Amino acid sequence: MPIERLFDIPGHQLANYPKPDALATKENGEWRKYSTQELLDISERLALGLMALGVKPGNKVAICSGNRSEWALVDQAILRMGAITVPIYPTSSPDDYAYILKHAGVNVCFSANAEIHAKAAQPGGPAHCFTFDQVGGARHWSEALGMADPALSATLREYAAAVKGTDLATIIYTSGTTGKPKGVMLSHRNVISNLLASIERFPVDHNARCISFLPLSHIYERMLMYMYMYVGVSIYFQESLEDLGDRIREVQPDVFTAVPRLLEKIFDKIIAKGEALTGIKRALFFWALELGFKYDVHGRSWWYNVQLAIARKLIFSKWQAALGGRCRVVASGSAALQERLARVFNAAGVPVMEGYGLTESSP
C-alpha cells in the first residue's frame, strides 16, 4: 500500500521490517534506541498529549533542536494529528526566533536545551514551551507525554484519517539573507515524492545504518530521514560535530550525508597523516593519492584498475576504516564539491554522490 502522508512511514516500516533500533541517540554515554513500535507508540501518545493542550489540525508546533530521536518523535506526533511542523535552526538569533514563532503562529514549542529554550520562551511567544533536556524552570517534554488522554484516541484517528497528501505538513523558514526569513510551505506529497525518487540512488536497505548529523531543520537531511525510515535504515542521530569522527567509527554507517566543507576537513586530516609518513610508506601514500585524482567512473583502463586494487588494499583501506569501514555512499549537498575530492573519495572506495535542490522543491 503506497504511503500518502509522512506519518504513514513508521507504519510502513513496522509492517515490512520492524527495527529494534529505528532511532537512536547517545545519552549519558549509551545509545538510547527506539524500536519501530516505540516510534509509533510514543508519537501517538504525544499527539494525544498535544490534543489535551488544545492543539488541533492546522495548528503550528515548533521544533528547535539539533539532531536527536526526540526530533523525529515529536515531528511524527505533530503530523499524525494534522498539525504543522515548524522547525527552527538551533543557532538562529533571538530576533529570528521571535519573528518566526509569531509569523507562523506557533502554539507549542519544543526546544533542545536551556540556551534554545531562552530564545523560544520569550514574552509573547508560544503558550506552551517544553524542553528535551532537563532544564530548571522549564517543562520537560515528558510532561506533554503524560497528558495523553486515551479518551481522545478516537478523535486522533479521525484527525489522521482526514489528512490528505496535498495538505500542508511543514513550514520551513529560509535563512533570511534577503530580508526576514521566508516560510516555505510544503505538503506531505511534496516531500514523499522526493524520498521515493531518491531511493533508487541509495544502495542501502533495511540492513543498513546511517548517522544523521546535518540539521533536520533543513529539508535536505529531513527528507532523507523520512527516506531512511521508509527503507528501514536504522537512524543514529548525532547532535554535535565535536566528536563526529568517533561516532562515525562507532556506528559504522552504511550511508551518511555531508557538506563539501566536512569532506574537505576529512581530506585535510588524511593528508596531514600522509605528510607525517616517511620512506616507502610516504611514497606509496602519495602515489595512491595521485592515482585517485585521475579516477573516473567510466572508461578506466585495465592497468589503472590493477593499480587501483593495490592502492585500495595498501592505502585506501585506512580511509574506509576512518569512516567506520562499511560506508557504501556519502551524499554531499548544499554547495559544489571539488572535482578532485569527488574523484579521490570514489577511488578510495567511498562513493560520493552530489545532490542539488532547494527548500522550495522539497528539496
Foldseek 3Di string as FASTA:
>chain_A
DDDQFLLCLLVLCVVPPKAQAQEWEQDPNRIDGATSVNLVVQLCLLLLLVVLVVDAAAAEEEEQAFDHPVVSSPLSNQRLLNYAYEYDYNPDDLVLLVCVQVVRVHAEYEYADDVSQVSQPDPVGHPAYEYCDDDPPHHHSVVSSVNRDPVCSVVSNVSNVPAGQQGWHYWAWDPQPVHRTDTATDGRVLLVVVLVVCVVVDPDALVFEEEEGDGCSALPSVSVSSSCSNRNHRYYYDRDPPCVLVVQQVRLGQEYEDAQVVLVVLVVVLVVVLVPDDDPSNVLQVVLLVLQLPADPDDDDPVSVVSLVVSLVRPLCVVCSSRNVNHQEYEYEDDDHDSSSQSNCVSSNRHYHYDYDDVNSSD
